[in-house]
Amino acid sequence: MLIIKSKRKRALGLNEPLKHESHKRPVTRRDFLAQGFTTGAATVVVPAAMSMMASRRARAATEQEKEDCGIVGGNGKIPFICFDLAGGANIAGSNVLVGQRGGQLDFLSTQGYSKLGLPGNMLPNNSTTNFVNTEFGLAFHSDSAFLRGMLEKTRPETRAFVNGAVIAARSENDTSNNPHNPMYGIAQAGLNRQGAKGELLTLIGSQNSESGGNSMAPAAMIDPANRPTKIDRVSDVTGLVDTGEVANILSVSDTVQTLETMYRISGRKLAHVDTRLGAGGVGGVGGDAAVKKQFQCAYLKTADTVETFSNPASLNPSLDTRVQGLFGGADFGGDGEFQKTASVMKLVIDGNAGAGTITMGGFDYHTGERATGEARDLRAGRCIGACLEYAALTNRPVMIYVFSDGSLSSNGMVDDSVGGRGKGQWTGDNQQTAASFFLVYNPDGRPTLLGNGTPAAANHQQIGYYSAGGDVVTSSSPAANNVNLLVQTVILNYMALHDEQHLFNGLFGNALGIDGALDGLIAFTPIASGTV
């Protein structure tokens, strides 16, 4: 086997920006993020003073009263975290294995793997060395940088309760127009559009954007009421809750009882108020009853906030010994990407946010060498693994979705430096080699593939497929050539974990197919029935 070597370029530092002669100068926020020039709140406030205090002991709010006011304790849905790798990262082949029609292990040609950065002596179907790792259920190349990072952060018993699926799907390179982000759909993915919700927030993201990440959200799914709150550091988390002086005036229990009494007094007073809004309000929005309920519920929601979050330190990832153990102490090893991940991870998995996006920059790493990309993929893998391990430590399920805007390819030249690990240099953008994948941790046992124990299971672990030459076959699934449908496929799989896939077409339309056609796009049997 002839291995071509060339004079390699210097590998870039982990946080060093990428400067491409073939690209325009970075202008937009997304340009700066993709090339690594940039790395990585809603506030709930209790009134500072009260105009009245209850003179007698108040009865506790009922569960029905709390539910009527939208206080639902996380809504019982599986926590959802997505990693938005800005710039066009490699996912297929060198990280997650992608194969032909028969699934991940229906191997590509030598030329196909070369395009995906694997030289002839590192092919997954190598006759002398096993380069396939299935510790997380999903098959990775055994020298995948994602995999190495995930292995660092997880225990064997955690990996045994994880499974995943890869989706062969192309997307445009280096563009803000990829509607990749599924979070708005995740928030709507359930009966009566009640999907993932958190105790404090519905959606969070590490970017101050409409999607919460680098890539856009599908326009049809955007709900302004659920716009993600920016969370990318510890201060963003601890700033979410401010009980002011009220919890210092009275004890927490007395404060809660007083606020709940005010909720009931307000209800009696409002019954005699005419807002003149009528049943439909202005433009059919915010009628009399709705406005009164919103006003009244503010007291009950504040009471719940004081009761649950009277000590904001409980939200602080830098004070959580489990988080410290994963990221190297309270300073997160001095790495801002670790702090960002920890902040989003803890809020979502603890149930205080329904879904979150972690955007990591600098993945446009076709720099004519391999070491830069390996280092950045390794750090992403550590962050992904930490989320899985934190879910295991808290005994909660989690679904993690990883995507990037486009991808890249190799020309077959090898970077034989220590950092390059003898793999193919990344030399250019290539949207045809793109893919996304998701992982699910289930504290009750590894998620089961549809068709488990039969050859059909392989086609549920890999949705769509590649050609032997290393390109997405765009007719292989609805998601393969349409990013909007890729997002829908991810949401469908989230709903299927709750045994709610039958609700999908009623919520999102039938562009993916009807009846049994959806089953072919679903990876796993349910791990929860509507709620967890």
Protein backbone atom coordinates (compact mmCIF):
# COMPACT_ATOMS: atom_id res chain seq x y z
CA MET A 1 0.00 0.00 0.00
CA LEU A 2 1.55 3.31 -1.10
CA ILE A 3 1.31 6.03 1.56
CA ILE A 4 2.05 9.51 0.25
CA LYS A 5 3.90 11.85 2.58
CA SER A 6 4.48 15.54 2.15
CA LYS A 7 6.11 18.36 3.98
CA ARG A 8 3.64 19.07 6.73
CA LYS A 9 2.58 22.43 8.03
CA ARG A 10 2.88 23.50 11.66
CA ALA A 11 0.00 22.30 13.85
CA LEU A 12 -1.97 25.11 15.42
CA GLY A 13 -2.53 25.58 19.13
CA LEU A 14 -5.82 24.41 20.66
CA ASN A 15 -7.21 27.95 20.82
CA GLU A 16 -5.26 29.44 17.90
CA PRO A 17 -7.48 30.88 15.14
CA LEU A 18 -7.61 29.32 11.67
CA LYS A 19 -6.52 31.59 8.81
CA HIS A 20 -7.39 30.19 5.37
CA GLU A 21 -6.04 31.75 2.22
CA SER A 22 -9.05 30.35 0.35
CA HIS A 23 -11.59 32.01 2.69
CA LYS A 24 -12.64 35.62 2.95
CA ARG A 25 -11.63 37.58 6.01
CA PRO A 26 -13.96 36.81 8.95
CA VAL A 27 -16.69 39.43 9.22
CA THR A 28 -19.73 37.94 10.93
CA ARG A 29 -20.01 36.34 14.37
CA ARG A 30 -20.29 32.94 12.71
CA ASP A 31 -17.12 33.53 10.66
CA PHE A 32 -15.14 34.34 13.79
CA LEU A 33 -16.57 31.34 15.62
CA ALA A 34 -15.99 28.81 12.83
CA GLN A 35 -12.35 29.83 12.45
CA GLY A 36 -11.69 29.83 16.17
CA PHE A 37 -11.26 33.57 16.75
CA THR A 38 -13.99 33.29 19.38
CA THR A 39 -14.25 30.52 22.01
CA GLY A 40 -16.26 29.99 24.54
CA ALA A 41 -29.98 35.67 31.02
CA ALA A 42 -32.92 35.30 31.97
CA THR A 43 -33.32 36.38 35.59
CA VAL A 44 -36.00 35.35 38.02
CA VAL A 45 -36.47 38.16 40.54
CA VAL A 46 -38.49 38.15 43.75
CA PRO A 47 -40.03 41.53 44.71
CA ALA A 48 -37.75 43.44 47.07
CA ALA A 49 -40.64 44.33 49.37
CA MET A 50 -44.19 43.12 49.94
CA SER A 51 -47.19 45.28 50.56
CA MET A 52 -48.95 42.73 52.77
CA MET A 53 -48.15 39.71 54.87
CA ALA A 54 -50.45 36.83 55.67
CA SER A 55 -51.59 36.99 59.30
CA ARG A 56 -52.36 33.29 59.50
CA ARG A 57 -50.54 30.19 58.33
CA ALA A 58 -51.21 29.58 54.62
CA ARG A 59 -52.01 26.17 53.20
CA ALA A 60 -49.47 24.83 50.74
CA ALA A 61 -50.15 25.19 47.04
CA THR A 62 -51.60 22.04 45.54
CA GLU A 63 -49.93 20.13 42.72
CA GLN A 64 -52.89 21.04 40.50
CA GLU A 65 -52.44 24.75 41.22
CA LYS A 66 -48.76 24.47 40.35
CA GLU A 67 -49.52 22.59 37.15
CA ASP A 68 -52.13 25.19 36.16
CA CYS A 69 -49.41 27.82 36.47
CA GLY A 70 -46.93 25.86 34.39
CA ILE A 71 -44.76 24.73 37.31
CA VAL A 72 -44.12 21.23 36.10
CA GLY A 73 -40.74 20.19 37.51
CA GLY A 74 -38.94 19.66 34.21
CA ASN A 75 -42.03 18.33 32.41
CA GLY A 76 -40.76 14.79 32.85
CA LYS A 77 -38.88 14.68 29.53
CA ILE A 78 -35.43 13.30 28.80
CA PRO A 79 -32.79 16.06 29.05
CA PHE A 80 -31.45 17.04 25.62
CA ILE A 81 -28.04 18.57 24.82
CA CYS A 82 -26.67 19.33 21.36
CA PHE A 83 -23.09 20.11 20.40
CA ASP A 84 -22.80 22.60 17.53
CA LEU A 85 -19.25 22.23 16.16
CA ALA A 86 -18.87 25.44 14.19
CA GLY A 87 -16.91 25.38 10.94
CA GLY A 88 -17.43 21.95 9.40
CA ALA A 89 -15.91 19.23 11.59
CA ASN A 90 -15.08 15.69 10.53
CA ILE A 91 -17.63 13.26 11.96
CA ALA A 92 -17.82 10.37 9.47
CA GLY A 93 -15.09 7.76 9.13
CA SER A 94 -12.25 9.03 11.26
CA ASN A 95 -14.60 9.49 14.23
CA VAL A 96 -17.96 7.71 13.88
CA LEU A 97 -17.90 4.89 11.35
CA VAL A 98 -20.28 5.31 8.41
CA GLY A 99 -20.84 2.53 5.90
CA GLN A 100 -22.84 1.56 2.86
CA ARG A 101 -26.40 0.15 2.70
CA GLY A 102 -25.71 -2.55 5.28
CA GLY A 103 -24.85 -0.12 8.08
CA GLN A 104 -21.71 1.05 9.83
CA LEU A 105 -19.78 -2.16 9.21
CA ASP A 106 -20.68 -2.39 5.51
CA PHE A 107 -17.25 -0.93 4.83
CA LEU A 108 -16.28 1.69 2.24
CA SER A 109 -13.48 1.38 -0.31
CA THR A 110 -9.88 2.23 0.47
CA GLN A 111 -10.31 5.42 -1.58
CA GLY A 112 -13.45 6.31 0.34
CA TYR A 113 -11.70 6.01 3.68
CA SER A 114 -8.74 8.00 2.35
CA LYS A 115 -11.13 10.87 1.59
CA LEU A 116 -12.34 10.59 5.19
CA GLY A 117 -8.79 10.91 6.53
CA LEU A 118 -7.86 7.27 7.08
CA PRO A 119 -4.74 5.87 5.35
CA GLY A 120 -4.58 2.26 4.19
CA ASN A 121 -2.94 0.99 7.38
CA MET A 122 -5.79 2.36 9.56
CA LEU A 123 -8.85 1.11 7.71
CA PRO A 124 -11.59 -0.16 10.03
CA ASN A 125 -11.66 -3.41 8.05
CA ASN A 126 -7.89 -3.83 8.31
CA SER A 127 -7.04 -7.53 8.25
CA THR A 128 -4.36 -7.37 10.96
CA THR A 129 -5.57 -4.70 13.43
CA ASN A 130 -9.05 -4.10 14.84
CA PHE A 131 -9.89 -0.42 14.38
CA VAL A 132 -13.56 -0.72 15.44
CA ASN A 133 -14.70 0.28 18.96
CA THR A 134 -18.29 -0.30 20.12
CA GLU A 135 -17.99 0.48 23.84
CA PHE A 136 -20.67 3.17 23.45
CA GLY A 137 -22.91 0.90 21.34
CA LEU A 138 -22.35 3.08 18.27
CA ALA A 139 -19.26 2.00 16.30
CA PHE A 140 -16.34 4.49 16.37
CA HIS A 141 -12.93 4.22 14.73
CA SER A 142 -10.74 3.00 17.57
CA ASP A 143 -8.36 5.96 17.15
CA SER A 144 -11.17 8.52 16.90
CA ALA A 145 -10.32 11.71 18.78
CA PHE A 146 -13.97 12.00 19.84
CA LEU A 147 -13.77 8.47 21.22
CA ARG A 148 -10.49 9.05 23.07
CA GLY A 149 -11.97 12.10 24.78
CA MET A 150 -15.19 10.26 25.68
CA LEU A 151 -13.23 7.34 27.11
CA GLU A 152 -11.24 9.73 29.33
CA LYS A 153 -14.39 11.10 30.95
CA THR A 154 -16.55 8.00 31.36
CA ARG A 155 -16.43 4.83 33.44
CA PRO A 156 -16.94 1.43 31.80
CA GLU A 157 -20.27 1.02 33.60
CA THR A 158 -21.48 4.30 32.09
CA ARG A 159 -20.49 3.26 28.56
CA ALA A 160 -22.39 0.00 28.98
CA PHE A 161 -25.62 2.01 29.37
CA VAL A 162 -25.09 4.16 26.24
CA ASN A 163 -26.12 3.55 22.66
CA GLY A 164 -26.22 5.78 19.60
CA ALA A 165 -26.99 6.25 15.92
CA VAL A 166 -25.31 8.07 13.04
CA ILE A 167 -27.19 9.94 10.30
CA ALA A 168 -25.56 10.25 6.87
CA ALA A 169 -26.61 13.76 5.86
CA ARG A 170 -24.89 16.51 3.87
CA SER A 171 -25.06 20.19 4.81
CA GLU A 172 -23.61 23.39 3.40
CA ASN A 173 -20.08 24.38 4.40
CA ASP A 174 -19.31 27.41 6.57
CA THR A 175 -22.73 29.02 6.34
CA SER A 176 -25.19 30.55 8.76
CA ASN A 177 -28.05 29.23 6.65
CA ASN A 178 -27.98 25.62 7.86
CA PRO A 179 -31.13 25.20 10.00
CA HIS A 180 -29.41 22.49 12.03
CA ASN A 181 -30.57 23.30 15.55
CA PRO A 182 -33.48 21.13 16.83
CA MET A 183 -34.09 22.71 20.24
CA TYR A 184 -37.34 24.55 19.45
CA GLY A 185 -38.74 21.28 18.11
CA ILE A 186 -37.56 19.41 21.22
CA ALA A 187 -39.51 21.93 23.33
CA GLN A 188 -42.65 21.14 21.29
CA ALA A 189 -42.13 17.37 21.04
CA GLY A 190 -44.99 15.97 23.07
CA LEU A 191 -48.72 15.89 23.71
CA ASN A 192 -50.24 19.37 23.30
CA ARG A 193 -46.77 20.57 22.19
CA GLN A 194 -45.46 20.04 25.71
CA GLY A 195 -41.92 18.82 25.13
CA ALA A 196 -38.76 19.41 27.15
CA LYS A 197 -39.20 22.09 29.80
CA GLY A 198 -37.01 23.03 32.74
CA GLU A 199 -37.74 24.20 36.25
CA LEU A 200 -36.21 27.60 35.45
CA LEU A 201 -35.89 27.77 31.67
CA THR A 202 -37.08 25.93 28.59
CA LEU A 203 -34.07 26.42 26.29
CA ILE A 204 -30.51 27.60 26.85
CA GLY A 205 -27.53 28.04 24.52
CA SER A 206 -23.95 29.21 24.71
CA GLN A 207 -24.45 31.76 21.90
CA ASN A 208 -26.60 34.88 22.06
CA SER A 209 -28.54 33.94 18.94
CA GLU A 210 -32.08 32.95 18.07
CA SER A 211 -31.12 29.28 18.07
CA GLY A 212 -28.74 29.49 21.03
CA GLY A 213 -25.95 28.19 18.79
CA ASN A 214 -23.98 28.85 15.61
CA SER A 215 -26.38 27.19 13.15
CA MET A 216 -29.94 28.40 12.70
CA ALA A 217 -33.14 26.75 13.88
CA PRO A 218 -35.78 25.75 11.29
CA ALA A 219 -37.93 28.86 10.79
CA ALA A 220 -41.21 26.98 11.13
CA MET A 221 -40.27 25.76 14.62
CA ILE A 222 -39.14 29.06 16.15
CA ASP A 223 -41.27 30.16 19.10
CA PRO A 224 -40.25 33.60 20.45
CA ALA A 225 -41.59 32.63 23.87
CA ASN A 226 -38.92 29.92 24.06
CA ARG A 227 -35.93 31.93 22.81
CA PRO A 228 -32.83 30.38 24.41
CA THR A 229 -31.20 32.12 27.33
CA LYS A 230 -27.45 32.60 26.88
CA ILE A 231 -25.42 30.41 29.23
CA ASP A 232 -21.70 29.99 28.66
CA ARG A 233 -20.09 30.58 32.06
CA VAL A 234 -20.69 30.08 35.76
CA SER A 235 -21.81 33.68 36.35
CA ASP A 236 -24.60 33.20 33.77
CA VAL A 237 -25.88 30.27 35.83
CA THR A 238 -25.65 31.84 39.26
CA GLY A 239 -27.29 35.01 37.90
CA LEU A 240 -30.45 33.15 36.92
CA VAL A 241 -31.99 33.36 40.39
CA ASP A 242 -32.13 36.42 42.63
CA THR A 243 -34.37 36.26 45.66
CA GLY A 244 -33.42 39.78 46.72
CA GLU A 245 -34.08 40.63 50.36
CA VAL A 246 -37.31 38.75 50.72
CA ALA A 247 -35.73 35.47 51.84
CA ASN A 248 -33.71 37.40 54.45
CA ILE A 249 -36.76 39.13 55.94
CA LEU A 250 -38.54 35.86 56.64
CA SER A 251 -37.50 32.24 56.66
CA VAL A 252 -37.79 30.40 53.36
CA SER A 253 -40.90 28.51 54.52
CA ASP A 254 -42.60 31.71 55.77
CA THR A 255 -41.73 33.50 52.52
CA VAL A 256 -43.24 30.68 50.46
CA GLN A 257 -46.41 30.65 52.57
CA THR A 258 -46.78 34.42 52.26
CA LEU A 259 -46.41 34.37 48.48
CA GLU A 260 -48.89 31.51 48.16
CA THR A 261 -51.38 33.49 50.27
CA MET A 262 -50.91 36.47 47.94
CA TYR A 263 -51.61 34.13 45.01
CA ARG A 264 -55.01 33.29 46.49
CA ILE A 265 -55.83 36.87 47.54
CA SER A 266 -54.98 38.02 44.01
CA GLY A 267 -57.31 35.40 42.59
CA ARG A 268 -60.23 36.66 44.68
CA LYS A 269 -59.49 40.30 43.84
CA LEU A 270 -59.07 39.65 40.13
CA ALA A 271 -62.42 37.93 39.98
CA HIS A 272 -64.01 41.38 40.43
CA VAL A 273 -61.78 43.17 37.88
CA ASP A 274 -62.82 43.81 34.28
CA THR A 275 -59.72 44.07 32.08
CA ARG A 276 -61.93 44.87 29.05
CA LEU A 277 -59.85 42.45 27.00
CA GLY A 278 -62.70 40.06 26.33
CA ALA A 279 -62.24 36.36 25.74
CA GLY A 280 -59.73 36.75 22.89
CA GLY A 281 -57.75 39.77 24.02
CA VAL A 282 -55.99 41.98 21.48
CA GLY A 283 -55.55 40.22 18.14
CA GLY A 284 -56.79 36.98 19.66
CA VAL A 285 -53.93 36.93 22.20
CA GLY A 286 -54.04 37.43 25.95
CA GLY A 287 -57.74 37.48 26.79
CA ASP A 288 -59.18 38.45 30.18
CA ALA A 289 -58.73 35.04 31.79
CA ALA A 290 -55.21 34.57 30.40
CA VAL A 291 -53.96 37.94 31.65
CA LYS A 292 -55.45 37.39 35.09
CA LYS A 293 -53.93 33.93 35.32
CA GLN A 294 -50.51 35.25 34.29
CA PHE A 295 -50.68 38.00 36.92
CA GLN A 296 -51.85 35.64 39.65
CA CYS A 297 -49.39 32.87 38.81
CA ALA A 298 -46.44 35.25 39.14
CA TYR A 299 -46.76 34.91 42.93
CA LEU A 300 -46.90 31.12 42.82
CA LYS A 301 -43.94 30.89 40.44
CA THR A 302 -41.94 33.21 42.69
CA ALA A 303 -42.85 31.07 45.70
CA ASP A 304 -41.62 28.00 43.87
CA THR A 305 -38.38 29.79 42.94
CA VAL A 306 -37.72 30.80 46.56
CA GLU A 307 -38.50 27.31 47.80
CA THR A 308 -36.37 25.53 45.20
CA PHE A 309 -33.53 28.01 44.68
CA SER A 310 -33.19 29.92 47.93
CA ASN A 311 -29.50 29.01 47.76
CA PRO A 312 -28.24 29.93 44.25
CA ALA A 313 -25.03 28.01 45.01
CA SER A 314 -27.01 24.83 44.33
CA LEU A 315 -26.91 25.80 40.64
CA ASN A 316 -23.19 26.58 40.61
CA PRO A 317 -21.20 23.99 38.62
CA SER A 318 -17.93 25.17 40.16
CA LEU A 319 -19.24 24.11 43.61
CA ASP A 320 -20.49 20.70 42.48
CA THR A 321 -17.84 18.11 43.35
CA ARG A 322 -19.13 15.78 40.61
CA VAL A 323 -18.59 18.47 37.99
CA GLN A 324 -15.20 19.40 39.47
CA GLY A 325 -14.11 15.78 39.22
CA LEU A 326 -14.97 15.73 35.51
CA PHE A 327 -13.33 19.02 34.55
CA GLY A 328 -10.27 19.34 36.76
CA GLY A 329 -11.50 21.35 39.74
CA ALA A 330 -13.43 24.57 40.33
CA ASP A 331 -11.41 26.42 37.66
CA PHE A 332 -12.30 23.80 34.99
CA GLY A 333 -8.64 23.34 34.19
CA GLY A 334 -8.53 26.94 32.97
CA ASP A 335 -10.44 25.95 29.81
CA GLY A 336 -13.40 28.15 28.88
CA GLU A 337 -14.92 25.38 26.73
CA PHE A 338 -15.05 23.12 29.80
CA GLN A 339 -16.69 25.87 31.87
CA LYS A 340 -19.24 26.42 29.10
CA THR A 341 -20.03 22.72 28.86
CA ALA A 342 -20.31 22.32 32.63
CA SER A 343 -22.69 25.29 32.91
CA VAL A 344 -25.08 24.05 30.22
CA MET A 345 -24.73 20.38 31.19
CA LYS A 346 -25.64 20.88 34.84
CA LEU A 347 -28.67 23.07 34.15
CA VAL A 348 -30.11 20.65 31.59
CA ILE A 349 -29.39 17.32 33.25
CA ASP A 350 -30.50 18.61 36.67
CA GLY A 351 -33.84 19.51 35.09
CA ASN A 352 -33.55 23.30 35.42
CA ALA A 353 -33.51 23.74 31.63
CA GLY A 354 -35.24 21.49 29.13
CA ALA A 355 -32.64 21.51 26.35
CA GLY A 356 -29.33 23.25 25.70
CA THR A 357 -26.87 23.96 22.89
CA ILE A 358 -23.11 23.96 23.46
CA THR A 359 -21.34 25.70 20.57
CA MET A 360 -17.64 24.98 20.16
CA GLY A 361 -15.61 27.00 17.67
CA GLY A 362 -12.58 26.36 15.49
CA PHE A 363 -13.76 23.27 13.59
CA ASP A 364 -12.98 24.66 10.12
CA TYR A 365 -9.62 22.92 10.53
CA HIS A 366 -8.58 22.10 6.94
CA THR A 367 -5.14 23.61 7.57
CA GLY A 368 -3.02 21.23 5.48
CA GLU A 369 -2.11 19.10 8.48
CA ARG A 370 -3.97 16.80 10.90
CA ALA A 371 -2.83 17.67 14.42
CA THR A 372 -5.01 20.79 14.79
CA GLY A 373 -8.20 18.89 14.06
CA GLU A 374 -7.22 15.97 16.30
CA ALA A 375 -6.70 18.31 19.27
CA ARG A 376 -10.04 20.05 18.79
CA ASP A 377 -11.93 16.81 18.26
CA LEU A 378 -10.33 15.41 21.42
CA ARG A 379 -11.57 18.35 23.49
CA ALA A 380 -15.07 18.00 22.01
CA GLY A 381 -15.00 14.31 22.92
CA ARG A 382 -14.07 15.14 26.49
CA CYS A 383 -17.04 17.50 26.71
CA ILE A 384 -19.43 14.91 25.23
CA GLY A 385 -18.11 12.24 27.59
CA ALA A 386 -18.47 14.54 30.60
CA CYS A 387 -22.16 15.04 29.81
CA LEU A 388 -22.70 11.27 29.64
CA GLU A 389 -20.83 10.70 32.88
CA TYR A 390 -22.66 13.50 34.73
CA ALA A 391 -25.97 11.94 33.67
CA ALA A 392 -24.76 8.64 35.10
CA LEU A 393 -23.64 10.28 38.35
CA THR A 394 -27.08 11.89 38.77
CA ASN A 395 -28.95 8.75 37.63
CA ARG A 396 -30.78 10.61 34.86
CA PRO A 397 -31.13 9.84 31.16
CA VAL A 398 -29.80 12.20 28.51
CA MET A 399 -29.82 12.46 24.71
CA ILE A 400 -26.78 14.13 23.13
CA TYR A 401 -26.84 15.26 19.50
CA VAL A 402 -23.63 16.28 17.65
CA PHE A 403 -23.64 18.18 14.35
CA SER A 404 -21.55 20.61 12.29
CA ASP A 405 -22.10 22.96 9.37
CA GLY A 406 -20.63 20.97 6.51
CA SER A 407 -17.51 18.83 6.70
CA LEU A 408 -14.10 18.41 5.10
CA SER A 409 -11.93 15.85 3.33
CA SER A 410 -8.35 14.70 2.88
CA ASN A 411 -6.26 14.35 -0.27
CA GLY A 412 -4.52 11.28 1.13
CA MET A 413 -1.29 12.93 2.27
CA VAL A 414 -0.29 11.78 5.75
CA ASP A 415 0.62 13.87 8.80
CA ASP A 416 3.10 11.64 10.63
CA SER A 417 3.70 14.05 13.51
CA VAL A 418 2.86 13.00 17.06
CA GLY A 419 -0.30 15.11 16.97
CA GLY A 420 -1.20 14.00 13.45
CA ARG A 421 -1.08 10.33 14.50
CA GLY A 422 -0.25 9.15 10.99
CA LYS A 423 -3.64 10.11 9.56
CA GLY A 424 -4.64 12.00 6.43
CA GLN A 425 -4.21 15.77 6.37
CA TRP A 426 -7.41 17.83 6.17
CA THR A 427 -7.12 19.86 2.99
CA GLY A 428 -10.52 21.29 2.07
CA ASP A 429 -14.23 21.75 2.81
CA ASN A 430 -16.47 18.97 1.54
CA GLN A 431 -20.20 18.98 2.26
CA GLN A 432 -20.57 15.51 0.71
CA THR A 433 -18.70 13.87 3.60
CA ALA A 434 -20.95 15.28 6.35
CA ALA A 435 -22.85 13.35 9.01
CA SER A 436 -24.44 13.85 12.44
CA PHE A 437 -24.86 11.45 15.35
CA PHE A 438 -26.64 11.12 18.67
CA LEU A 439 -26.00 9.18 21.86
CA VAL A 440 -28.50 8.19 24.55
CA TYR A 441 -27.65 7.30 28.16
CA ASN A 442 -30.32 5.29 29.97
CA PRO A 443 -29.77 4.61 33.70
CA ASP A 444 -31.94 1.49 33.38
CA GLY A 445 -29.74 -0.14 30.74
CA ARG A 446 -28.38 0.31 27.22
CA PRO A 447 -31.10 1.55 24.79
CA THR A 448 -32.27 -1.24 22.50
CA LEU A 449 -32.14 -0.86 18.73
CA LEU A 450 -35.28 -1.55 16.74
CA GLY A 451 -34.83 -4.97 15.18
CA ASN A 452 -32.32 -5.91 17.86
CA GLY A 453 -30.81 -9.32 17.18
CA THR A 454 -31.64 -9.20 13.47
CA PRO A 455 -29.75 -7.78 10.45
CA ALA A 456 -32.30 -4.91 10.40
CA ALA A 457 -30.75 -3.42 13.55
CA ALA A 458 -27.77 -2.13 11.56
CA ASN A 459 -30.08 0.09 9.51
CA HIS A 460 -31.51 1.64 12.66
CA GLN A 461 -28.04 2.38 14.05
CA GLN A 462 -27.13 4.08 10.75
CA ILE A 463 -29.86 6.17 9.15
CA GLY A 464 -29.03 6.62 5.46
CA TYR A 465 -25.71 5.54 4.01
CA TYR A 466 -22.56 6.43 2.06
CA SER A 467 -21.27 5.35 -1.32
CA ALA A 468 -18.17 3.17 -1.42
CA GLY A 469 -16.24 6.27 -2.51
CA GLY A 470 -16.97 8.16 0.72
CA ASP A 471 -19.91 10.45 -0.16
CA VAL A 472 -23.41 10.74 1.28
CA VAL A 473 -25.95 9.01 -0.96
CA THR A 474 -28.52 11.78 -1.02
CA SER A 475 -31.43 9.44 -1.80
CA SER A 476 -30.66 7.16 1.15
CA SER A 477 -33.05 8.87 3.59
CA PRO A 478 -35.20 12.02 3.79
CA ALA A 479 -32.52 13.56 6.02
CA ALA A 480 -29.63 12.91 3.64
CA ASN A 481 -30.05 16.02 1.47
CA ASN A 482 -32.28 18.31 3.53
CA VAL A 483 -31.14 19.83 6.82
CA ASN A 484 -34.73 20.69 7.85
CA LEU A 485 -35.61 17.00 7.56
CA LEU A 486 -32.41 16.06 9.40
CA VAL A 487 -33.70 18.13 12.32
CA GLN A 488 -37.08 16.44 12.07
CA THR A 489 -35.38 13.02 12.13
CA VAL A 490 -33.61 13.92 15.37
CA ILE A 491 -36.87 15.16 16.93
CA LEU A 492 -38.66 11.99 15.79
CA ASN A 493 -36.03 9.92 17.58
CA TYR A 494 -36.41 12.03 20.73
CA MET A 495 -40.17 11.46 20.67
CA ALA A 496 -39.69 7.73 20.03
CA LEU A 497 -37.65 7.46 23.24
CA HIS A 498 -40.85 8.58 25.03
CA ASP A 499 -43.09 6.28 22.94
CA GLU A 500 -44.69 9.37 21.38
CA GLN A 501 -43.68 8.90 17.75
CA HIS A 502 -47.37 8.52 16.85
CA LEU A 503 -47.78 12.23 17.65
CA PHE A 504 -45.01 13.35 15.28
CA ASN A 505 -46.93 13.99 12.06
CA GLY A 506 -49.63 15.89 13.90
CA LEU A 507 -47.00 18.26 15.28
CA PHE A 508 -44.50 18.57 12.43
CA GLY A 509 -46.23 17.33 9.24
CA ASN A 510 -45.59 14.23 7.19
CA ALA A 511 -42.50 15.23 5.17
CA LEU A 512 -40.63 12.26 6.66
CA GLY A 513 -43.37 9.83 5.61
CA ILE A 514 -46.49 8.34 7.13
CA ASP A 515 -47.35 5.34 9.29
CA GLY A 516 -44.70 2.62 9.02
CA ALA A 517 -42.31 4.80 7.02
CA LEU A 518 -41.30 6.60 10.20
CA ASP A 519 -40.14 3.36 11.81
CA GLY A 520 -37.24 3.18 9.37
CA LEU A 521 -35.91 6.49 10.70
CA ILE A 522 -36.09 5.53 14.38
CA ALA A 523 -33.10 4.04 16.18
CA PHE A 524 -34.37 2.82 19.56
CA THR A 525 -37.30 1.30 21.35
CA PRO A 526 -38.77 3.60 24.06
CA ILE A 527 -36.97 4.10 27.35
CA ALA A 528 -39.80 6.18 28.84
CA SER A 529 -43.55 6.49 28.31
CA GLY A 530 -44.20 10.20 27.86
CA THR A 531 -42.46 11.18 31.09
CA VAL A 532 -39.41 10.07 33.03
